[in-house]
Amino acid sequence: MSAALLSTDGLSFSYEATAPLLQSWSADFQAGEVVAVTGPSGRGKSTLLYLLGLMLKPAAGRVLLDGEPVHALPDRTRAHLRASVFGFVFQDSALDASRTVMDNILETVLYRNESRVVAAKRAEALMEQFSVGLRAGAKPGQVSGGQAQRIALCRALIGDPRILLADEPTGNLDPSSSDIVIQAMHDQAARGAAVIVVTHDPALVARCHRKIEL
């Protein structure tokens, strides 16, 4: 098997010293696979995504990208990696209610020094693909929960990320919307990305290449 695109080595983290969430946790995530992370509520699944996505620093251990440690890089460097390498789908969609749908989708473009005009064309294509193409001028409060989650997926995919991290992406979706989201994750993996998804959804787990239980 080829070297892992993303991996952890002896990862440990806790919010309280007496209640560690992760202890010496190691795993490999390969390009081209969709991996489900499962486990009971409160076990640290969302925290793990934040560690993998360089939004939190581990208490011990390493996060490696293409075999190189990236967990302890300066904040600015990690922010650049989050914008250029990673895509995030948060559990509650995490859209800015004060900005339009299009502005939410294009949020990371600034950090990649991309042309907004070029990125907007890509955003329009994604919105059409996920059936939110008529909502560019709307605010998040004017769209349904299913539409909001698909808009969040557009935002995550706008930079064609090599690593896609998704936290309960189908948790509040109807079967049709869930299928759209799951297929999009598999399509991104087919383009060479590693897709890591936290979920309690057995239908989603069944469609992943493998499962890791915390």
N, C-alpha and C. Protein backbone atom coordinates (compact mmCIF):
# COMPACT_ATOMS: atom_id res chain seq x y z
N MET A 1 0.84 -1.19 0.00
CA MET A 1 0.00 0.00 0.00
C MET A 1 0.88 1.25 0.00
N SER A 2 0.48 2.29 -0.74
CA SER A 2 1.26 3.51 -0.81
C SER A 2 1.21 4.25 0.52
N ALA A 3 2.14 5.20 0.67
CA ALA A 3 2.19 5.98 1.91
C ALA A 3 0.87 6.72 2.11
N ALA A 4 0.49 6.86 3.37
CA ALA A 4 -0.78 7.50 3.69
C ALA A 4 -0.75 8.98 3.33
N LEU A 5 -1.86 9.47 2.82
CA LEU A 5 -1.98 10.90 2.56
C LEU A 5 -2.04 11.67 3.87
N LEU A 6 -2.80 11.16 4.82
CA LEU A 6 -2.91 11.77 6.14
C LEU A 6 -2.77 10.67 7.18
N SER A 7 -2.06 10.95 8.24
CA SER A 7 -1.90 9.93 9.28
C SER A 7 -1.69 10.60 10.64
N THR A 8 -1.91 9.82 11.69
CA THR A 8 -1.62 10.26 13.04
C THR A 8 -0.67 9.25 13.68
N ASP A 9 0.17 9.74 14.57
CA ASP A 9 1.16 8.90 15.24
C ASP A 9 1.14 9.23 16.73
N GLY A 10 0.54 8.33 17.52
CA GLY A 10 0.53 8.50 18.97
C GLY A 10 -0.21 9.74 19.43
N LEU A 11 -1.33 10.05 18.79
CA LEU A 11 -2.06 11.29 19.07
C LEU A 11 -2.76 11.22 20.42
N SER A 12 -2.59 12.26 21.23
CA SER A 12 -3.28 12.36 22.52
C SER A 12 -3.85 13.75 22.66
N PHE A 13 -5.05 13.81 23.28
CA PHE A 13 -5.69 15.11 23.49
C PHE A 13 -6.73 14.98 24.59
N SER A 14 -6.86 16.05 25.38
CA SER A 14 -7.93 16.10 26.38
C SER A 14 -8.26 17.55 26.67
N TYR A 15 -9.53 17.80 26.97
CA TYR A 15 -9.93 19.12 27.44
C TYR A 15 -9.72 19.23 28.94
N GLU A 16 -9.78 18.08 29.62
CA GLU A 16 -9.53 18.01 31.06
C GLU A 16 -8.50 16.91 31.31
N ALA A 17 -7.56 17.20 32.16
CA ALA A 17 -6.47 16.25 32.41
C ALA A 17 -6.97 14.91 32.91
N THR A 18 -8.10 14.92 33.60
CA THR A 18 -8.61 13.68 34.18
C THR A 18 -9.51 12.90 33.21
N ALA A 19 -9.78 13.48 32.04
CA ALA A 19 -10.69 12.81 31.10
C ALA A 19 -10.15 12.90 29.67
N PRO A 20 -9.10 12.15 29.38
CA PRO A 20 -8.53 12.20 28.03
C PRO A 20 -9.50 11.64 26.99
N LEU A 21 -9.58 12.31 25.84
CA LEU A 21 -10.43 11.83 24.75
C LEU A 21 -9.66 10.87 23.85
N LEU A 22 -8.41 11.19 23.60
CA LEU A 22 -7.57 10.36 22.75
C LEU A 22 -6.25 10.10 23.47
N GLN A 23 -5.78 8.86 23.38
CA GLN A 23 -4.52 8.50 24.00
C GLN A 23 -3.72 7.64 23.04
N SER A 24 -2.56 8.15 22.61
CA SER A 24 -1.64 7.41 21.74
C SER A 24 -2.38 6.79 20.56
N TRP A 25 -3.17 7.59 19.88
CA TRP A 25 -4.04 7.12 18.80
C TRP A 25 -3.33 7.27 17.46
N SER A 26 -3.24 6.19 16.74
CA SER A 26 -2.55 6.20 15.44
C SER A 26 -3.45 5.62 14.37
N ALA A 27 -3.42 6.22 13.19
CA ALA A 27 -4.23 5.74 12.08
C ALA A 27 -3.68 6.31 10.79
N ASP A 28 -3.98 5.62 9.69
CA ASP A 28 -3.58 6.06 8.35
C ASP A 28 -4.82 6.24 7.49
N PHE A 29 -4.80 7.28 6.67
CA PHE A 29 -5.90 7.55 5.74
C PHE A 29 -5.31 7.70 4.34
N GLN A 30 -5.76 6.83 3.45
CA GLN A 30 -5.19 6.76 2.11
C GLN A 30 -5.96 7.64 1.12
N ALA A 31 -5.27 8.12 0.13
CA ALA A 31 -5.94 8.78 -0.98
C ALA A 31 -6.89 7.80 -1.65
N GLY A 32 -8.07 8.26 -2.00
CA GLY A 32 -9.02 7.43 -2.72
C GLY A 32 -9.99 6.66 -1.86
N GLU A 33 -9.96 6.86 -0.53
CA GLU A 33 -10.88 6.11 0.33
C GLU A 33 -11.77 7.03 1.14
N VAL A 34 -12.96 6.51 1.46
CA VAL A 34 -13.91 7.18 2.34
C VAL A 34 -13.96 6.36 3.63
N VAL A 35 -13.58 6.98 4.74
CA VAL A 35 -13.47 6.29 6.02
C VAL A 35 -14.49 6.85 7.00
N ALA A 36 -15.29 5.98 7.60
CA ALA A 36 -16.25 6.38 8.62
C ALA A 36 -15.60 6.28 10.00
N VAL A 37 -15.76 7.32 10.80
CA VAL A 37 -15.34 7.30 12.20
C VAL A 37 -16.61 7.26 13.04
N THR A 38 -16.75 6.21 13.82
CA THR A 38 -17.96 6.01 14.60
C THR A 38 -17.62 5.87 16.09
N GLY A 39 -18.66 5.84 16.92
CA GLY A 39 -18.47 5.69 18.35
C GLY A 39 -19.54 6.45 19.09
N PRO A 40 -19.66 6.22 20.39
CA PRO A 40 -20.71 6.87 21.18
C PRO A 40 -20.51 8.38 21.27
N SER A 41 -21.57 9.11 21.53
CA SER A 41 -21.50 10.55 21.72
C SER A 41 -20.55 10.88 22.87
N GLY A 42 -19.77 11.93 22.70
CA GLY A 42 -18.84 12.35 23.72
C GLY A 42 -17.51 11.63 23.70
N ARG A 43 -17.33 10.75 22.72
CA ARG A 43 -16.09 9.96 22.67
C ARG A 43 -14.92 10.74 22.04
N GLY A 44 -15.22 11.85 21.37
CA GLY A 44 -14.13 12.66 20.81
C GLY A 44 -14.05 12.62 19.30
N LYS A 45 -15.13 12.21 18.64
CA LYS A 45 -15.09 12.08 17.18
C LYS A 45 -14.93 13.45 16.50
N SER A 46 -15.71 14.43 16.93
CA SER A 46 -15.59 15.76 16.35
C SER A 46 -14.23 16.37 16.68
N THR A 47 -13.78 16.15 17.91
CA THR A 47 -12.45 16.64 18.30
C THR A 47 -11.37 16.05 17.42
N LEU A 48 -11.50 14.77 17.09
CA LEU A 48 -10.53 14.14 16.21
C LEU A 48 -10.49 14.85 14.86
N LEU A 49 -11.66 15.20 14.31
CA LEU A 49 -11.67 15.93 13.04
C LEU A 49 -10.94 17.26 13.16
N TYR A 50 -11.14 17.95 14.29
CA TYR A 50 -10.47 19.24 14.47
C TYR A 50 -8.95 19.06 14.57
N LEU A 51 -8.52 17.96 15.16
CA LEU A 51 -7.08 17.66 15.22
C LEU A 51 -6.55 17.32 13.84
N LEU A 52 -7.27 16.47 13.11
CA LEU A 52 -6.83 16.10 11.77
C LEU A 52 -6.81 17.30 10.85
N GLY A 53 -7.75 18.23 11.05
CA GLY A 53 -7.85 19.41 10.20
C GLY A 53 -7.02 20.59 10.69
N LEU A 54 -6.17 20.36 11.66
CA LEU A 54 -5.22 21.36 12.15
C LEU A 54 -5.90 22.57 12.79
N MET A 55 -7.09 22.36 13.32
CA MET A 55 -7.77 23.42 14.07
C MET A 55 -7.46 23.34 15.55
N LEU A 56 -7.02 22.17 16.02
CA LEU A 56 -6.54 21.97 17.38
C LEU A 56 -5.15 21.36 17.31
N LYS A 57 -4.36 21.63 18.34
CA LYS A 57 -3.04 21.01 18.44
C LYS A 57 -3.11 19.88 19.47
N PRO A 58 -2.52 18.73 19.17
CA PRO A 58 -2.53 17.62 20.13
C PRO A 58 -1.66 17.90 21.34
N ALA A 59 -2.00 17.25 22.45
CA ALA A 59 -1.16 17.34 23.64
C ALA A 59 0.12 16.54 23.43
N ALA A 60 0.02 15.49 22.63
CA ALA A 60 1.18 14.66 22.31
C ALA A 60 0.89 13.97 20.97
N GLY A 61 1.95 13.48 20.35
CA GLY A 61 1.78 12.80 19.09
C GLY A 61 1.83 13.76 17.90
N ARG A 62 1.62 13.18 16.71
CA ARG A 62 1.79 13.97 15.49
C ARG A 62 0.65 13.74 14.51
N VAL A 63 0.40 14.77 13.70
CA VAL A 63 -0.44 14.65 12.51
C VAL A 63 0.48 14.85 11.33
N LEU A 64 0.43 13.91 10.38
CA LEU A 64 1.34 13.95 9.24
C LEU A 64 0.57 14.05 7.93
N LEU A 65 1.02 14.93 7.07
CA LEU A 65 0.47 15.11 5.73
C LEU A 65 1.55 14.71 4.74
N ASP A 66 1.27 13.71 3.92
CA ASP A 66 2.28 13.17 3.00
C ASP A 66 3.55 12.77 3.73
N GLY A 67 3.37 12.27 4.94
CA GLY A 67 4.51 11.80 5.73
C GLY A 67 5.26 12.87 6.48
N GLU A 68 4.86 14.14 6.33
CA GLU A 68 5.55 15.24 7.01
C GLU A 68 4.69 15.76 8.16
N PRO A 69 5.26 15.96 9.34
CA PRO A 69 4.48 16.46 10.48
C PRO A 69 4.01 17.89 10.24
N VAL A 70 2.73 18.12 10.50
CA VAL A 70 2.15 19.45 10.26
C VAL A 70 1.43 20.01 11.48
N HIS A 71 1.30 19.21 12.54
CA HIS A 71 0.49 19.61 13.70
C HIS A 71 1.06 20.80 14.45
N ALA A 72 2.38 20.98 14.40
CA ALA A 72 3.03 22.02 15.21
C ALA A 72 3.50 23.20 14.37
N LEU A 73 3.07 23.29 13.13
CA LEU A 73 3.46 24.41 12.29
C LEU A 73 2.88 25.71 12.83
N PRO A 74 3.45 26.85 12.47
CA PRO A 74 2.89 28.14 12.91
C PRO A 74 1.43 28.29 12.48
N ASP A 75 0.69 29.09 13.23
CA ASP A 75 -0.74 29.26 12.96
C ASP A 75 -1.00 29.67 11.52
N ARG A 76 -0.22 30.59 11.00
CA ARG A 76 -0.45 31.08 9.63
C ARG A 76 -0.25 29.97 8.62
N THR A 77 0.75 29.13 8.83
CA THR A 77 1.01 28.02 7.90
C THR A 77 -0.11 27.00 7.97
N ARG A 78 -0.57 26.69 9.17
CA ARG A 78 -1.68 25.74 9.31
C ARG A 78 -2.95 26.31 8.69
N ALA A 79 -3.17 27.61 8.82
CA ALA A 79 -4.34 28.23 8.20
C ALA A 79 -4.28 28.12 6.69
N HIS A 80 -3.10 28.30 6.14
CA HIS A 80 -2.95 28.16 4.69
C HIS A 80 -3.23 26.72 4.25
N LEU A 81 -2.74 25.76 5.01
CA LEU A 81 -3.01 24.36 4.68
C LEU A 81 -4.50 24.06 4.78
N ARG A 82 -5.17 24.59 5.80
CA ARG A 82 -6.62 24.36 5.92
C ARG A 82 -7.37 24.89 4.70
N ALA A 83 -6.91 26.01 4.17
CA ALA A 83 -7.60 26.62 3.03
C ALA A 83 -7.26 25.95 1.72
N SER A 84 -6.04 25.40 1.60
CA SER A 84 -5.58 24.90 0.31
C SER A 84 -5.63 23.38 0.17
N VAL A 85 -5.59 22.66 1.28
CA VAL A 85 -5.50 21.20 1.24
C VAL A 85 -6.77 20.54 1.78
N PHE A 86 -7.39 21.18 2.77
CA PHE A 86 -8.52 20.57 3.47
C PHE A 86 -9.85 21.19 3.03
N GLY A 87 -10.90 20.38 3.13
CA GLY A 87 -12.26 20.86 3.01
C GLY A 87 -13.04 20.38 4.21
N PHE A 88 -13.90 21.22 4.78
CA PHE A 88 -14.62 20.90 6.01
C PHE A 88 -16.12 21.00 5.80
N VAL A 89 -16.84 19.98 6.28
CA VAL A 89 -18.30 20.04 6.35
C VAL A 89 -18.65 19.85 7.82
N PHE A 90 -19.15 20.92 8.45
CA PHE A 90 -19.44 20.87 9.87
C PHE A 90 -20.85 20.36 10.12
N GLN A 91 -21.08 19.86 11.32
CA GLN A 91 -22.34 19.22 11.65
C GLN A 91 -23.54 20.15 11.48
N ASP A 92 -23.37 21.43 11.81
CA ASP A 92 -24.49 22.36 11.72
C ASP A 92 -24.37 23.28 10.50
N SER A 93 -23.57 22.89 9.53
CA SER A 93 -23.27 23.61 8.29
C SER A 93 -22.38 24.83 8.52
N ALA A 94 -22.50 25.49 9.68
CA ALA A 94 -21.61 26.60 10.06
C ALA A 94 -21.55 27.70 9.00
N LEU A 95 -22.71 28.06 8.46
CA LEU A 95 -22.78 29.16 7.49
C LEU A 95 -22.95 30.48 8.24
N ASP A 96 -22.34 31.53 7.70
CA ASP A 96 -22.44 32.86 8.28
C ASP A 96 -23.78 33.47 7.86
N ALA A 97 -24.66 33.68 8.83
CA ALA A 97 -26.01 34.14 8.53
C ALA A 97 -26.05 35.55 7.96
N SER A 98 -24.97 36.32 8.14
CA SER A 98 -24.96 37.70 7.67
C SER A 98 -24.50 37.83 6.22
N ARG A 99 -24.04 36.73 5.65
CA ARG A 99 -23.49 36.78 4.29
C ARG A 99 -24.35 35.93 3.36
N THR A 100 -24.25 36.22 2.05
CA THR A 100 -25.02 35.46 1.08
C THR A 100 -24.48 34.05 0.95
N VAL A 101 -25.28 33.20 0.34
CA VAL A 101 -24.86 31.83 0.06
C VAL A 101 -23.56 31.82 -0.74
N MET A 102 -23.48 32.63 -1.78
CA MET A 102 -22.28 32.66 -2.60
C MET A 102 -21.07 33.09 -1.79
N ASP A 103 -21.21 34.12 -0.97
CA ASP A 103 -20.08 34.57 -0.15
C ASP A 103 -19.64 33.49 0.83
N ASN A 104 -20.58 32.72 1.37
CA ASN A 104 -20.22 31.62 2.25
C ASN A 104 -19.40 30.57 1.49
N ILE A 105 -19.83 30.25 0.28
CA ILE A 105 -19.12 29.23 -0.49
C ILE A 105 -17.70 29.68 -0.84
N LEU A 106 -17.55 30.97 -1.12
CA LEU A 106 -16.26 31.50 -1.56
C LEU A 106 -15.36 31.92 -0.39
N GLU A 107 -15.74 31.55 0.81
CA GLU A 107 -15.04 32.00 2.02
C GLU A 107 -13.54 31.74 1.98
N THR A 108 -13.12 30.58 1.49
CA THR A 108 -11.70 30.22 1.55
C THR A 108 -10.90 30.74 0.36
N VAL A 109 -11.57 31.32 -0.63
CA VAL A 109 -10.87 31.77 -1.84
C VAL A 109 -9.81 32.81 -1.51
N LEU A 110 -10.13 33.73 -0.60
CA LEU A 110 -9.20 34.79 -0.22
C LEU A 110 -7.89 34.21 0.30
N TYR A 111 -7.99 33.15 1.10
CA TYR A 111 -6.79 32.57 1.71
C TYR A 111 -5.92 31.84 0.69
N ARG A 112 -6.50 31.48 -0.45
CA ARG A 112 -5.73 30.80 -1.49
C ARG A 112 -5.26 31.76 -2.58
N ASN A 113 -5.53 33.05 -2.40
CA ASN A 113 -5.15 34.07 -3.38
C ASN A 113 -5.67 33.75 -4.78
N GLU A 114 -6.89 33.23 -4.84
CA GLU A 114 -7.52 32.90 -6.11
C GLU A 114 -8.34 34.06 -6.64
N SER A 115 -8.57 34.04 -7.94
CA SER A 115 -9.48 35.00 -8.54
C SER A 115 -10.90 34.68 -8.11
N ARG A 116 -11.59 35.67 -7.56
CA ARG A 116 -12.97 35.45 -7.14
C ARG A 116 -13.87 35.15 -8.33
N VAL A 117 -13.59 35.78 -9.46
CA VAL A 117 -14.41 35.57 -10.66
C VAL A 117 -14.32 34.12 -11.11
N VAL A 118 -13.10 33.59 -11.17
CA VAL A 118 -12.91 32.19 -11.57
C VAL A 118 -13.55 31.25 -10.57
N ALA A 119 -13.34 31.52 -9.28
CA ALA A 119 -13.89 30.66 -8.24
C ALA A 119 -15.41 30.71 -8.24
N ALA A 120 -16.00 31.88 -8.55
CA ALA A 120 -17.45 32.00 -8.56
C ALA A 120 -18.07 31.12 -9.64
N LYS A 121 -17.39 30.99 -10.77
CA LYS A 121 -17.89 30.10 -11.83
C LYS A 121 -17.88 28.65 -11.36
N ARG A 122 -16.83 28.29 -10.64
CA ARG A 122 -16.75 26.93 -10.08
C ARG A 122 -17.84 26.74 -9.03
N ALA A 123 -18.08 27.77 -8.23
CA ALA A 123 -19.12 27.69 -7.20
C ALA A 123 -20.50 27.51 -7.84
N GLU A 124 -20.75 28.22 -8.91
CA GLU A 124 -22.05 28.10 -9.60
C GLU A 124 -22.26 26.68 -10.12
N ALA A 125 -21.19 26.08 -10.63
CA ALA A 125 -21.30 24.70 -11.13
C ALA A 125 -21.60 23.74 -9.99
N LEU A 126 -20.96 23.94 -8.83
CA LEU A 126 -21.21 23.09 -7.67
C LEU A 126 -22.64 23.28 -7.16
N MET A 127 -23.09 24.51 -7.13
CA MET A 127 -24.45 24.78 -6.66
C MET A 127 -25.49 24.13 -7.57
N GLU A 128 -25.22 24.16 -8.85
CA GLU A 128 -26.13 23.50 -9.79
C GLU A 128 -26.11 21.99 -9.57
N GLN A 129 -24.91 21.44 -9.37
CA GLN A 129 -24.77 20.01 -9.14
C GLN A 129 -25.55 19.55 -7.92
N PHE A 130 -25.57 20.38 -6.87
CA PHE A 130 -26.22 20.01 -5.62
C PHE A 130 -27.59 20.66 -5.45
N SER A 131 -28.14 21.13 -6.55
CA SER A 131 -29.52 21.64 -6.58
C SER A 131 -29.75 22.81 -5.64
N VAL A 132 -28.76 23.69 -5.52
CA VAL A 132 -28.94 24.94 -4.80
C VAL A 132 -28.54 26.11 -5.70
N GLY A 133 -28.67 25.89 -7.01
CA GLY A 133 -28.20 26.87 -7.98
C GLY A 133 -29.01 28.14 -8.02
N LEU A 134 -30.20 28.15 -7.47
CA LEU A 134 -31.04 29.35 -7.52
C LEU A 134 -30.95 30.16 -6.23
N ARG A 135 -30.05 29.79 -5.34
CA ARG A 135 -30.04 30.42 -4.02
C ARG A 135 -28.81 31.28 -3.77
N ALA A 136 -28.08 31.68 -4.82
CA ALA A 136 -26.82 32.39 -4.62
C ALA A 136 -26.99 33.69 -3.86
N GLY A 137 -28.11 34.41 -4.09
CA GLY A 137 -28.30 35.68 -3.43
C GLY A 137 -29.01 35.58 -2.09
N ALA A 138 -29.40 34.40 -1.72
CA ALA A 138 -30.12 34.20 -0.47
C ALA A 138 -29.17 34.19 0.71
N LYS A 139 -29.72 34.40 1.88
CA LYS A 139 -28.96 34.27 3.12
C LYS A 139 -29.25 32.89 3.70
N PRO A 140 -28.34 32.35 4.51
CA PRO A 140 -28.54 31.02 5.08
C PRO A 140 -29.88 30.85 5.80
N GLY A 141 -30.40 31.90 6.41
CA GLY A 141 -31.67 31.80 7.11
C GLY A 141 -32.86 31.61 6.19
N GLN A 142 -32.64 31.76 4.88
CA GLN A 142 -33.72 31.65 3.91
C GLN A 142 -33.72 30.31 3.19
N VAL A 143 -32.85 29.41 3.58
CA VAL A 143 -32.78 28.10 2.93
C VAL A 143 -33.09 27.02 3.95
N SER A 144 -33.47 25.85 3.47
CA SER A 144 -33.79 24.73 4.36
C SER A 144 -32.52 24.13 4.94
N GLY A 145 -32.71 23.27 5.95
CA GLY A 145 -31.56 22.60 6.55
C GLY A 145 -30.81 21.74 5.55
N GLY A 146 -31.55 21.04 4.69
CA GLY A 146 -30.91 20.21 3.68
C GLY A 146 -30.13 21.04 2.68
N GLN A 147 -30.69 22.19 2.28
CA GLN A 147 -29.99 23.07 1.36
C GLN A 147 -28.74 23.65 2.02
N ALA A 148 -28.85 24.02 3.30
CA ALA A 148 -27.71 24.58 4.01
C ALA A 148 -26.55 23.58 4.04
N GLN A 149 -26.87 22.30 4.26
CA GLN A 149 -25.80 21.31 4.33
C GLN A 149 -25.17 21.10 2.95
N ARG A 150 -25.98 21.18 1.89
CA ARG A 150 -25.42 21.06 0.54
C ARG A 150 -24.61 22.29 0.17
N ILE A 151 -25.01 23.45 0.67
CA ILE A 151 -24.22 24.66 0.45
C ILE A 151 -22.87 24.52 1.17
N ALA A 152 -22.90 23.97 2.38
CA ALA A 152 -21.65 23.74 3.12
C ALA A 152 -20.75 22.78 2.36
N LEU A 153 -21.35 21.80 1.68
CA LEU A 153 -20.56 20.87 0.88
C LEU A 153 -19.93 21.60 -0.30
N CYS A 154 -20.67 22.51 -0.92
CA CYS A 154 -20.09 23.33 -2.01
C CYS A 154 -18.87 24.09 -1.49
N ARG A 155 -19.00 24.68 -0.31
CA ARG A 155 -17.88 25.44 0.27
C ARG A 155 -16.68 24.52 0.51
N ALA A 156 -16.94 23.31 0.98
CA ALA A 156 -15.85 22.38 1.26
C ALA A 156 -15.15 21.93 -0.01
N LEU A 157 -15.89 21.83 -1.11
CA LEU A 157 -15.33 21.28 -2.34
C LEU A 157 -14.80 22.34 -3.30
N ILE A 158 -15.03 23.61 -3.01
CA ILE A 158 -14.69 24.67 -3.95
C ILE A 158 -13.19 24.68 -4.28
N GLY A 159 -12.37 24.27 -3.33
CA GLY A 159 -10.93 24.24 -3.57
C GLY A 159 -10.40 22.89 -4.00
N ASP A 160 -11.30 21.96 -4.36
CA ASP A 160 -10.92 20.60 -4.75
C ASP A 160 -9.93 20.01 -3.74
N PRO A 161 -10.35 19.87 -2.46
CA PRO A 161 -9.42 19.50 -1.40
C PRO A 161 -8.89 18.08 -1.54
N ARG A 162 -7.67 17.92 -1.11
CA ARG A 162 -7.06 16.58 -1.08
C ARG A 162 -7.57 15.79 0.12
N ILE A 163 -8.03 16.50 1.16
CA ILE A 163 -8.57 15.86 2.35
C ILE A 163 -9.90 16.51 2.67
N LEU A 164 -10.95 15.69 2.73
CA LEU A 164 -12.28 16.18 3.05
C LEU A 164 -12.70 15.61 4.39
N LEU A 165 -13.03 16.50 5.34
CA LEU A 165 -13.44 16.11 6.68
C LEU A 165 -14.90 16.50 6.86
N ALA A 166 -15.73 15.56 7.25
CA ALA A 166 -17.17 15.83 7.37
C ALA A 166 -17.70 15.30 8.69
N ASP A 167 -18.42 16.16 9.41
CA ASP A 167 -18.95 15.82 10.72
C ASP A 167 -20.47 15.68 10.61
N GLU A 168 -20.95 14.45 10.69
CA GLU A 168 -22.38 14.13 10.59
C GLU A 168 -23.03 14.82 9.38
N PRO A 169 -22.47 14.62 8.18
CA PRO A 169 -22.97 15.38 7.02
C PRO A 169 -24.37 14.99 6.58
N THR A 170 -24.86 13.83 7.02
CA THR A 170 -26.21 13.41 6.63
C THR A 170 -27.17 13.38 7.82
N GLY A 171 -26.75 13.93 8.94
CA GLY A 171 -27.50 13.79 10.18
C GLY A 171 -28.93 14.30 10.12
N ASN A 172 -29.16 15.40 9.40
CA ASN A 172 -30.50 15.99 9.36
C ASN A 172 -31.08 16.04 7.95
N LEU A 173 -30.62 15.14 7.09
CA LEU A 173 -31.02 15.18 5.69
C LEU A 173 -32.03 14.09 5.36
N ASP A 174 -32.88 14.37 4.39
CA ASP A 174 -33.78 13.35 3.87
C ASP A 174 -32.97 12.39 3.01
N PRO A 175 -33.52 11.20 2.69
CA PRO A 175 -32.76 10.19 1.95
C PRO A 175 -32.20 10.70 0.63
N SER A 176 -32.95 11.51 -0.10
CA SER A 176 -32.49 12.01 -1.39
C SER A 176 -31.29 12.93 -1.22
N SER A 177 -31.37 13.87 -0.25
CA SER A 177 -30.26 14.78 0.01
C SER A 177 -29.05 14.01 0.54
N SER A 178 -29.28 13.01 1.38
CA SER A 178 -28.19 12.19 1.90
C SER A 178 -27.44 11.50 0.78
N ASP A 179 -28.18 10.98 -0.17
CA ASP A 179 -27.55 10.28 -1.28
C ASP A 179 -26.67 11.22 -2.10
N ILE A 180 -27.13 12.45 -2.30
CA ILE A 180 -26.34 13.45 -3.03
C ILE A 180 -25.03 13.72 -2.31
N VAL A 181 -25.10 13.89 -0.99
CA VAL A 181 -23.91 14.19 -0.19
C VAL A 181 -22.94 13.00 -0.20
N ILE A 182 -23.45 11.80 0.00
CA ILE A 182 -22.60 10.61 0.02
C ILE A 182 -21.91 10.41 -1.32
N GLN A 183 -22.66 10.58 -2.40
CA GLN A 183 -22.08 10.41 -3.72
C GLN A 183 -20.98 11.44 -3.98
N ALA A 184 -21.20 12.67 -3.51
CA ALA A 184 -20.19 13.72 -3.69
C ALA A 184 -18.90 13.37 -2.96
N MET A 185 -19.02 12.77 -1.77
CA MET A 185 -17.82 12.37 -1.03
C MET A 185 -17.07 11.27 -1.76
N HIS A 186 -17.81 10.33 -2.32
CA HIS A 186 -17.15 9.27 -3.09
C HIS A 186 -16.52 9.82 -4.36
N ASP A 187 -17.17 10.78 -4.99
CA ASP A 187 -16.59 11.39 -6.19
C ASP A 187 -15.28 12.09 -5.85
N GLN A 188 -15.23 12.77 -4.70
CA GLN A 188 -14.00 13.44 -4.31
C GLN A 188 -12.90 12.43 -4.02
N ALA A 189 -13.25 11.33 -3.37
CA ALA A 189 -12.26 10.27 -3.13
C ALA A 189 -11.75 9.71 -4.45
N ALA A 190 -12.63 9.55 -5.42
CA ALA A 190 -12.23 9.00 -6.72
C ALA A 190 -11.24 9.93 -7.42
N ARG A 191 -11.26 11.22 -7.07
CA ARG A 191 -10.30 12.17 -7.65
C ARG A 191 -8.99 12.18 -6.88
N GLY A 192 -8.86 11.29 -5.89
CA GLY A 192 -7.59 11.16 -5.18
C GLY A 192 -7.56 11.74 -3.79
N ALA A 193 -8.71 12.11 -3.26
CA ALA A 193 -8.75 12.68 -1.91
C ALA A 193 -8.93 11.58 -0.87
N ALA A 194 -8.55 11.89 0.35
CA ALA A 194 -8.91 11.07 1.50
C ALA A 194 -10.11 11.73 2.15
N VAL A 195 -11.19 10.98 2.34
CA VAL A 195 -12.43 11.51 2.91
C VAL A 195 -12.66 10.83 4.24
N ILE A 196 -12.79 11.63 5.30
CA ILE A 196 -12.97 11.11 6.65
C ILE A 196 -14.26 11.69 7.20
N VAL A 197 -15.19 10.83 7.57
CA VAL A 197 -16.51 11.29 7.95
C VAL A 197 -16.92 10.72 9.31
N VAL A 198 -17.26 11.61 10.23
CA VAL A 198 -17.83 11.21 11.52
C VAL A 198 -19.32 11.02 11.33
N THR A 199 -19.84 9.88 11.76
CA THR A 199 -21.26 9.63 11.53
C THR A 199 -21.83 8.60 12.49
N HIS A 200 -23.13 8.74 12.74
CA HIS A 200 -23.91 7.71 13.42
C HIS A 200 -24.86 7.04 12.43
N ASP A 201 -24.81 7.44 11.18
CA ASP A 201 -25.75 6.98 10.16
C ASP A 201 -25.32 5.63 9.60
N PRO A 202 -26.02 4.54 9.92
CA PRO A 202 -25.60 3.22 9.44
C PRO A 202 -25.61 3.11 7.91
N ALA A 203 -26.50 3.86 7.25
CA ALA A 203 -26.53 3.83 5.79
C ALA A 203 -25.27 4.44 5.21
N LEU A 204 -24.77 5.50 5.83
CA LEU A 204 -23.53 6.12 5.39
C LEU A 204 -22.34 5.21 5.69
N VAL A 205 -22.31 4.64 6.89
CA VAL A 205 -21.21 3.73 7.26
C VAL A 205 -21.12 2.58 6.25
N ALA A 206 -22.27 2.06 5.86
CA ALA A 206 -22.30 0.93 4.93
C ALA A 206 -21.71 1.28 3.57
N ARG A 207 -21.71 2.56 3.22
CA ARG A 207 -21.21 2.97 1.92
C ARG A 207 -19.77 3.49 1.98
N CYS A 208 -19.15 3.43 3.15
CA CYS A 208 -17.75 3.82 3.29
C CYS A 208 -16.86 2.60 3.01
N HIS A 209 -15.63 2.87 2.65
CA HIS A 209 -14.70 1.78 2.36
C HIS A 209 -14.30 1.01 3.62
N ARG A 210 -14.21 1.73 4.73
CA ARG A 210 -13.92 1.06 6.01
C ARG A 210 -14.39 1.95 7.15
N LYS A 211 -14.36 1.35 8.36
CA LYS A 211 -14.85 2.04 9.56
C LYS A 211 -13.79 1.98 10.64
N ILE A 212 -13.65 3.10 11.35
CA ILE A 212 -12.81 3.16 12.54
C ILE A 212 -13.72 3.54 13.71
N GLU A 213 -13.71 2.74 14.75
CA GLU A 213 -14.55 3.02 15.91
C GLU A 213 -13.72 3.55 17.05
N LEU A 214 -14.15 4.69 17.60
CA LEU A 214 -13.46 5.26 18.77
C LEU A 214 -14.08 4.72 20.06
